[in-house]
């Protein structure tokens, strides 16, 4: 058993860290305040190969693994959780199902430009009456000549309105869910309301509205009725990305808290020297390391084609709770200053909350884990 990363993984971490600190961090607070997505950051990630980390070179990727991918998401999220989730949703939720279930023609047409970063991807599963109960969806897809007609609305779509390729799930028959690859220029496709959110504010989240949307038959992903399986398997990998995002948020908050605690003086000495603060930092660091190990193990298992559904659920569950706990404590370390926008920890705390909700709530993760333990 070896807990050391390879030289290649460490090189990638350094590259992403340098990029995050120099290209992403300087505008993170402003973009959050303005709720502004910056496409140029995604384009720069594409130039570094980050938009296609785990995909083979023939599909536009760099041929690395899922562990490298979660390391990238972690490092981006240390300075900007919005940028981290942009890459996570693009890679895990949009590219992965095409790679896993797509035809060669679909991979060439869609996966390749997405891996190269020429197009952004998004994943459309949630509806107003179908959140944790994915089987309760109402969007329909009916056959007409050589195409499908899709009708309905999806909500809470990460990368909504800026993506060019969407993985959409709809009912082709009663209780039969199928998956489709939809382009943003298909007739009947539109992006609806943009959500105003507590956190990850520079990551756009919108409705996606399909009104008699015309989708060619060849754009069905997998076979009719495969949709629910595709959706659930995709979420397994997506949870690895969100776990990595949570680890990055928590680490960024801890780094800020340590730096502040070493400089801020109370009662004649730095607050880091006070046991109450020192013990907080110790607990925060311990929880983060445990969350990181869970996340890396899940990603390693996925990279080695081993079952990882339970591990990804555990990683997402623990890392999400850790992010919320650590960022709350980081604000406490800063005291009153932590409650202001003069320091980044209030943003980290706002960003952390969503990691307990999307890609399956913490309650759903516990349900997934318990079922796997007892089946």
Protein backbone atom coordinates (compact mmCIF):
# COMPACT_ATOMS: atom_id res chain seq x y z
CA UNK A 1 0.00 0.00 0.00
CA UNK A 2 1.47 3.32 -1.08
CA UNK A 3 0.05 6.65 0.06
CA UNK A 4 2.49 8.73 -2.00
CA UNK A 5 1.29 10.26 -5.24
CA UNK A 6 3.28 9.62 -8.40
CA UNK A 7 5.64 12.28 -9.73
CA UNK A 8 3.16 12.85 -12.56
CA UNK A 9 0.31 13.51 -10.13
CA UNK A 10 2.47 15.89 -8.11
CA UNK A 11 3.49 17.75 -11.27
CA UNK A 12 -0.13 18.14 -12.26
CA UNK A 13 -1.01 19.40 -8.77
CA UNK A 14 1.73 22.04 -8.97
CA UNK A 15 0.61 23.12 -12.42
CA UNK A 16 -3.02 23.48 -11.35
CA UNK A 17 -2.04 25.20 -8.09
CA UNK A 18 0.06 27.76 -9.96
CA UNK A 19 -2.75 28.35 -12.42
CA UNK A 20 -5.33 28.67 -9.64
CA UNK A 21 -3.28 31.12 -7.61
CA UNK A 22 -2.21 33.26 -10.57
CA UNK A 23 -5.20 33.13 -12.93
CA UNK A 24 -8.25 32.24 -10.82
CA UNK A 25 -7.73 33.60 -7.31
CA UNK A 26 -7.19 37.29 -8.20
CA UNK A 27 -10.77 37.69 -9.52
CA UNK A 28 -12.58 35.09 -7.37
CA UNK A 29 -14.11 37.54 -4.89
CA UNK A 30 -15.17 40.00 -7.60
CA UNK A 31 -16.74 37.32 -9.77
CA UNK A 32 -18.57 35.98 -6.72
CA UNK A 33 -19.86 39.44 -5.85
CA UNK A 34 -20.98 40.12 -9.42
CA UNK A 35 -22.31 36.57 -9.97
CA UNK A 36 -20.27 36.55 -13.18
CA UNK A 37 -19.06 33.51 -15.11
CA UNK A 38 -15.75 34.09 -16.90
CA UNK A 39 -15.43 31.92 -20.00
CA UNK A 40 -11.80 32.95 -20.43
CA UNK A 41 -10.87 30.98 -17.30
CA UNK A 42 -12.40 27.84 -18.78
CA UNK A 43 -10.54 28.53 -22.03
CA UNK A 44 -7.26 28.78 -20.13
CA UNK A 45 -8.01 25.49 -18.37
CA UNK A 46 -8.52 23.97 -21.81
CA UNK A 47 -5.11 25.21 -22.94
CA UNK A 48 -3.57 23.33 -20.00
CA UNK A 49 -5.49 20.16 -20.86
CA UNK A 50 -7.60 20.31 -17.69
CA UNK A 51 -10.91 19.99 -19.53
CA UNK A 52 -9.99 16.50 -20.75
CA UNK A 53 -7.86 15.03 -17.98
CA UNK A 54 -9.20 11.43 -17.85
CA UNK A 55 -10.08 10.90 -21.52
CA UNK A 56 -7.89 9.16 -24.11
CA UNK A 57 -5.90 11.34 -26.48
CA UNK A 58 -7.92 10.10 -29.45
CA UNK A 59 -10.96 11.81 -27.91
CA UNK A 60 -9.13 15.06 -27.20
CA UNK A 61 -8.04 14.23 -23.65
CA UNK A 62 -4.60 13.94 -22.06
CA UNK A 63 -4.95 10.28 -21.06
CA UNK A 64 -4.49 10.70 -17.31
CA UNK A 65 -6.76 9.20 -14.61
CA UNK A 66 -9.61 10.14 -12.28
CA UNK A 67 -7.23 10.71 -9.37
CA UNK A 68 -5.52 13.42 -11.40
CA UNK A 69 -8.93 14.89 -12.18
CA UNK A 70 -10.01 15.14 -8.52
CA UNK A 71 -6.64 16.68 -7.61
CA UNK A 72 -7.32 19.37 -10.23
CA UNK A 73 -10.81 20.05 -8.88
CA UNK A 74 -9.42 20.21 -5.33
CA UNK A 75 -6.73 22.74 -6.22
CA UNK A 76 -9.13 24.96 -8.16
CA UNK A 77 -11.67 24.86 -5.34
CA UNK A 78 -9.06 25.98 -2.81
CA UNK A 79 -9.27 29.43 -4.35
CA UNK A 80 -12.63 29.39 -6.18
CA UNK A 81 -15.28 26.73 -5.66
CA UNK A 82 -17.23 28.06 -8.64
CA UNK A 83 -14.35 27.26 -10.98
CA UNK A 84 -13.95 23.86 -9.36
CA UNK A 85 -17.57 22.90 -9.95
CA UNK A 86 -17.51 24.21 -13.52
CA UNK A 87 -14.79 21.67 -14.30
CA UNK A 88 -16.43 18.97 -12.17
CA UNK A 89 -19.84 19.18 -13.84
CA UNK A 90 -18.26 19.41 -17.29
CA UNK A 91 -16.05 16.34 -16.74
CA UNK A 92 -18.00 14.01 -14.44
CA UNK A 93 -21.57 14.77 -15.42
CA UNK A 94 -21.41 15.66 -19.12
CA UNK A 95 -18.29 14.07 -20.61
CA UNK A 96 -18.32 10.83 -18.58
CA UNK A 97 -21.69 9.45 -19.77
CA UNK A 98 -20.73 10.11 -23.39
CA UNK A 99 -17.41 8.34 -22.86
CA UNK A 100 -19.04 5.42 -21.05
CA UNK A 101 -22.23 4.97 -23.08
CA UNK A 102 -21.76 6.92 -26.30
CA UNK A 103 -21.21 5.55 -29.79
CA UNK A 104 -17.96 6.26 -31.59
CA UNK A 105 -19.80 8.85 -33.65
CA UNK A 106 -21.09 10.56 -30.50
CA UNK A 107 -17.64 10.57 -28.94
CA UNK A 108 -16.11 12.11 -32.03
CA UNK A 109 -18.86 14.70 -32.39
CA UNK A 110 -19.31 15.66 -28.74
CA UNK A 111 -16.72 14.22 -26.37
CA UNK A 112 -13.73 15.37 -28.40
CA UNK A 113 -14.61 19.10 -28.56
CA UNK A 114 -15.67 18.97 -24.90
CA UNK A 115 -12.39 17.36 -23.84
CA UNK A 116 -10.52 20.00 -25.83
CA UNK A 117 -12.51 22.69 -24.05
CA UNK A 118 -14.09 23.99 -27.24
CA UNK A 119 -17.51 23.24 -25.73
CA UNK A 120 -18.77 23.16 -22.15
CA UNK A 121 -21.04 20.37 -20.95
CA UNK A 122 -23.94 20.22 -18.49
CA UNK A 123 -26.19 17.56 -16.93
CA UNK A 124 -29.98 17.88 -16.74
CA UNK A 125 -31.73 15.53 -14.34
CA UNK A 126 -33.47 17.56 -11.60
CA UNK A 127 -37.01 18.89 -12.00
CA UNK A 128 -39.25 20.86 -9.65
CA UNK A 129 -41.04 17.67 -8.56
CA UNK A 130 -38.09 15.35 -9.10
CA UNK A 131 -35.05 16.02 -6.93
CA UNK A 132 -33.85 13.16 -4.74
CA UNK A 133 -36.70 11.13 -6.30
CA UNK A 134 -35.17 11.02 -9.78
CA UNK A 135 -37.82 8.52 -10.85
CA UNK A 136 -40.52 11.18 -10.48
CA UNK A 137 -39.49 13.18 -13.55
CA UNK A 138 -42.09 14.60 -15.92
CA UNK A 139 -40.07 15.61 -19.00
CA UNK A 140 -41.22 13.56 -21.98
CA UNK A 141 -39.67 12.42 -25.25
CA UNK A 142 -41.93 11.20 -28.04
CA UNK A 143 -40.93 9.73 -31.40
CA UNK A 144 -41.80 11.64 -34.56
CA UNK A 145 -40.35 10.45 -37.88
CA UNK A 146 -36.54 10.53 -37.59
CA UNK A 147 -36.36 12.48 -34.36
CA UNK A 148 -37.64 12.85 -30.81
CA UNK A 149 -39.72 15.72 -29.48
CA UNK A 150 -38.84 16.66 -25.89
CA UNK A 151 -41.01 18.74 -23.59
CA UNK A 152 -40.44 19.84 -20.02
CA UNK A 153 -38.23 21.89 -17.73
CA UNK A 154 -35.10 20.99 -15.80
CA UNK A 155 -33.87 23.07 -12.86
CA UNK A 156 -30.64 23.73 -10.95
CA UNK A 157 -28.45 23.07 -14.00
CA UNK A 158 -24.78 23.77 -13.32
CA UNK A 159 -23.17 25.46 -16.38
CA UNK A 160 -26.71 26.20 -17.59
CA UNK A 161 -26.86 28.89 -20.22
CA UNK A 162 -23.11 28.78 -20.94
CA UNK A 163 -22.81 25.13 -21.97
CA UNK A 164 -23.19 24.01 -25.58
CA UNK A 165 -23.84 20.31 -24.84
CA UNK A 166 -26.43 18.98 -22.36
CA UNK A 167 -27.07 15.44 -21.14
CA UNK A 168 -30.87 15.37 -20.69
CA UNK A 169 -33.09 12.69 -19.18
CA UNK A 170 -36.73 12.22 -20.22
CA UNK A 171 -39.54 9.69 -20.20
CA UNK A 172 -39.83 7.80 -23.49
CA UNK A 173 -42.62 5.65 -22.03
CA UNK A 174 -44.39 5.46 -18.71
CA UNK A 175 -41.61 4.99 -16.11
CA UNK A 176 -39.06 4.39 -18.90
CA UNK A 177 -36.26 6.96 -18.70
CA UNK A 178 -33.91 7.57 -21.61
CA UNK A 179 -30.90 9.86 -22.01
CA UNK A 180 -30.21 12.32 -24.82
CA UNK A 181 -27.36 14.53 -25.98
CA UNK A 182 -28.81 17.94 -26.76
CA UNK A 183 -27.09 20.98 -28.27
CA UNK A 184 -27.97 24.49 -27.18
CA UNK A 185 -28.88 25.41 -30.78
CA UNK A 186 -31.50 22.68 -31.24
CA UNK A 187 -34.95 24.12 -32.08
CA UNK A 188 -37.05 24.40 -28.93
CA UNK A 189 -34.11 24.62 -26.52
CA UNK A 190 -33.71 27.62 -24.21
CA UNK A 191 -32.13 28.54 -20.90
CA UNK A 192 -34.59 29.90 -18.34
CA UNK A 193 -34.26 31.69 -15.03
CA UNK A 194 -30.78 32.11 -13.61
CA UNK A 195 -30.75 31.27 -9.90
CA UNK A 196 -29.44 33.77 -7.36
CA UNK A 197 -27.52 31.63 -4.91
CA UNK A 198 -25.96 31.65 -1.45
CA UNK A 199 -22.64 30.34 -2.77
CA UNK A 200 -20.76 29.26 -5.91
CA UNK A 201 -22.13 32.50 -7.33
CA UNK A 202 -19.82 32.75 -10.34
CA UNK A 203 -20.97 29.31 -11.50
CA UNK A 204 -24.21 29.83 -13.46
CA UNK A 205 -27.19 27.72 -12.37
CA UNK A 206 -30.30 27.95 -14.56
CA UNK A 207 -33.46 26.31 -15.71
CA UNK A 208 -33.34 24.49 -19.04
CA UNK A 209 -36.60 24.63 -20.98
CA UNK A 210 -37.48 22.27 -23.83
CA UNK A 211 -40.57 23.24 -25.83
CA UNK A 212 -41.16 20.79 -28.67
CA UNK A 213 -37.38 20.48 -28.82
CA UNK A 214 -36.30 18.51 -31.89
CA UNK A 215 -33.60 15.92 -31.11
CA UNK A 216 -32.25 13.55 -33.79
CA UNK A 217 -32.73 9.86 -33.02
CA UNK A 218 -28.99 9.30 -33.20
CA UNK A 219 -28.61 11.62 -30.20
CA UNK A 220 -30.12 9.11 -27.80
CA UNK A 221 -27.37 8.08 -25.38
CA UNK A 222 -27.33 4.33 -24.88
CA UNK A 223 -30.58 2.52 -25.61
CA UNK A 224 -34.19 3.41 -24.79
CA UNK A 225 -34.79 2.75 -21.11
CA UNK A 226 -31.11 3.06 -20.14
CA UNK A 227 -31.58 6.57 -18.77
CA UNK A 228 -31.99 5.81 -15.09
CA UNK A 229 -28.93 3.53 -15.08
CA UNK A 230 -26.90 6.16 -16.92
CA UNK A 231 -28.04 8.88 -14.53
CA UNK A 232 -27.17 6.92 -11.39
CA UNK A 233 -23.81 5.67 -12.65
CA UNK A 234 -22.90 9.19 -13.73
CA UNK A 235 -23.68 10.52 -10.26
CA UNK A 236 -21.26 8.01 -8.70
CA UNK A 237 -18.37 9.68 -10.49
CA UNK A 238 -19.88 13.10 -9.99
CA UNK A 239 -19.72 12.58 -6.24
CA UNK A 240 -15.96 12.14 -6.49
CA UNK A 241 -15.77 15.56 -8.10
CA UNK A 242 -17.94 17.18 -5.43
CA UNK A 243 -15.95 15.47 -2.66
CA UNK A 244 -12.80 16.96 -4.20
CA UNK A 245 -14.48 20.36 -4.36
CA UNK A 246 -15.40 20.09 -0.67
CA UNK A 247 -11.85 19.10 0.27
CA UNK A 248 -10.50 22.08 -1.66
CA UNK A 249 -12.92 24.52 -0.03
CA UNK A 250 -12.04 23.20 3.42
CA UNK A 251 -8.29 23.36 2.74
CA UNK A 252 -8.56 26.91 1.44
CA UNK A 253 -10.42 27.94 4.59
CA UNK A 254 -7.88 26.22 6.84
CA UNK A 255 -4.95 27.86 5.04
CA UNK A 256 -6.56 31.27 5.52
CA UNK A 257 -7.29 30.55 9.19
CA UNK A 258 -3.70 29.42 9.90
CA UNK A 259 -2.26 32.49 8.22
CA UNK A 260 -4.56 34.80 10.16
CA UNK A 261 -4.00 33.00 13.47
CA UNK A 262 -0.22 33.42 13.15
CA UNK A 263 -0.54 37.17 12.56
CA UNK A 264 -3.48 38.22 14.75
CA UNK A 265 -2.47 38.98 18.35
CA UNK A 266 -4.65 38.82 21.44
CA UNK A 267 -3.46 38.98 25.06
CA UNK A 268 0.04 39.77 23.83
CA UNK A 269 0.63 36.78 21.56
CA UNK A 270 -0.58 35.34 18.22
CA UNK A 271 -3.96 33.65 18.60
CA UNK A 272 -2.46 30.46 17.11
CA UNK A 273 -0.59 30.09 20.39
CA UNK A 274 -3.83 30.01 22.35
CA UNK A 275 -4.97 26.47 23.01
CA UNK A 276 -8.59 27.19 22.00
CA UNK A 277 -7.52 28.26 18.51
CA UNK A 278 -4.69 25.75 18.16
CA UNK A 279 -7.02 22.86 18.93
CA UNK A 280 -9.53 24.13 16.37
CA UNK A 281 -6.85 24.18 13.69
CA UNK A 282 -5.75 20.66 14.65
CA UNK A 283 -9.29 19.28 14.37
CA UNK A 284 -9.86 21.07 11.07
CA UNK A 285 -6.65 19.66 9.57
CA UNK A 286 -7.43 16.14 10.76
CA UNK A 287 -10.92 16.13 9.26
CA UNK A 288 -9.61 17.49 5.96
CA UNK A 289 -6.94 14.80 5.71
CA UNK A 290 -9.52 12.08 6.38
CA UNK A 291 -11.83 13.54 3.74
CA UNK A 292 -8.97 13.75 1.25
CA UNK A 293 -8.01 10.12 1.77
CA UNK A 294 -11.61 8.98 1.24
CA UNK A 295 -11.82 11.06 -1.93
CA UNK A 296 -8.52 9.85 -3.34
CA UNK A 297 -9.42 6.23 -2.59
CA UNK A 298 -12.72 6.54 -4.47
CA UNK A 299 -10.98 8.19 -7.43
CA UNK A 300 -8.21 5.56 -7.38
CA UNK A 301 -10.78 2.77 -7.48
CA UNK A 302 -12.55 4.42 -10.41
CA UNK A 303 -9.21 4.81 -12.20
CA UNK A 304 -8.53 1.10 -11.73
CA UNK A 305 -11.96 -0.04 -12.92
CA UNK A 306 -12.97 -1.25 -9.46
CA UNK A 307 -16.45 -0.78 -7.95
CA UNK A 308 -16.48 2.64 -6.30
CA UNK A 309 -20.14 3.58 -5.70
CA UNK A 310 -19.99 3.09 -1.92
CA UNK A 311 -16.65 4.88 -1.65
CA UNK A 312 -17.80 7.85 -3.71
CA UNK A 313 -20.90 8.21 -1.54
CA UNK A 314 -18.79 8.01 1.63
CA UNK A 315 -16.30 10.55 0.26
CA UNK A 316 -19.00 13.00 -0.75
CA UNK A 317 -20.82 12.58 2.57
CA UNK A 318 -17.79 13.06 4.78
CA UNK A 319 -16.07 15.71 2.68
CA UNK A 320 -19.25 17.78 2.38
CA UNK A 321 -19.82 17.73 6.13
CA UNK A 322 -16.14 18.49 6.69
CA UNK A 323 -16.26 21.50 4.38
CA UNK A 324 -19.22 22.94 6.27
CA UNK A 325 -17.64 22.27 9.67
CA UNK A 326 -14.19 23.59 8.76
CA UNK A 327 -15.41 26.76 7.06
CA UNK A 328 -17.67 27.54 10.02
CA UNK A 329 -14.71 27.15 12.37
CA UNK A 330 -12.54 29.27 10.07
CA UNK A 331 -15.03 32.12 10.37
CA UNK A 332 -14.87 31.64 14.15
CA UNK A 333 -11.07 31.90 14.10
CA UNK A 334 -11.34 35.22 12.30
CA UNK A 335 -13.93 36.44 14.78
CA UNK A 336 -15.87 39.49 13.64
CA UNK A 337 -13.58 39.92 10.63
CA UNK A 338 -14.62 36.47 9.42
CA UNK A 339 -18.16 37.73 9.04
CA UNK A 340 -17.09 40.44 6.60
CA UNK A 341 -16.19 40.29 2.93
CA UNK A 342 -12.75 41.69 3.68
CA UNK A 343 -11.55 38.12 4.15
CA UNK A 344 -12.31 35.02 2.04
CA UNK A 345 -13.62 32.72 4.77
CA UNK A 346 -17.19 34.01 4.56
CA UNK A 347 -17.17 33.05 0.86
CA UNK A 348 -15.72 29.63 1.67
CA UNK A 349 -18.50 29.09 4.21
CA UNK A 350 -21.20 30.06 1.71
CA UNK A 351 -19.66 27.86 -0.96
CA UNK A 352 -19.35 24.86 1.37
CA UNK A 353 -23.07 24.45 1.98
CA UNK A 354 -23.92 23.27 -1.52
CA UNK A 355 -21.52 20.32 -1.22
CA UNK A 356 -24.00 18.83 1.26
CA UNK A 357 -26.83 19.15 -1.28
CA UNK A 358 -25.98 18.58 -4.93
CA UNK A 359 -24.98 15.27 -6.53
CA UNK A 360 -27.34 13.77 -3.97
CA UNK A 361 -28.04 15.21 -0.53
CA UNK A 362 -26.26 13.89 2.53
CA UNK A 363 -29.43 11.99 3.38
CA UNK A 364 -29.34 10.27 -0.01
CA UNK A 365 -25.65 9.40 0.48
CA UNK A 366 -26.51 7.68 3.74
CA UNK A 367 -29.29 5.79 1.96
CA UNK A 368 -26.89 4.70 -0.80
CA UNK A 369 -24.26 3.58 1.69
CA UNK A 370 -26.70 1.73 3.95
CA UNK A 371 -28.21 -0.13 1.02
CA UNK A 372 -24.78 -1.22 -0.19
CA UNK A 373 -23.85 -2.38 3.29
CA UNK A 374 -26.96 -4.55 3.66
CA UNK A 375 -27.61 -5.92 0.19
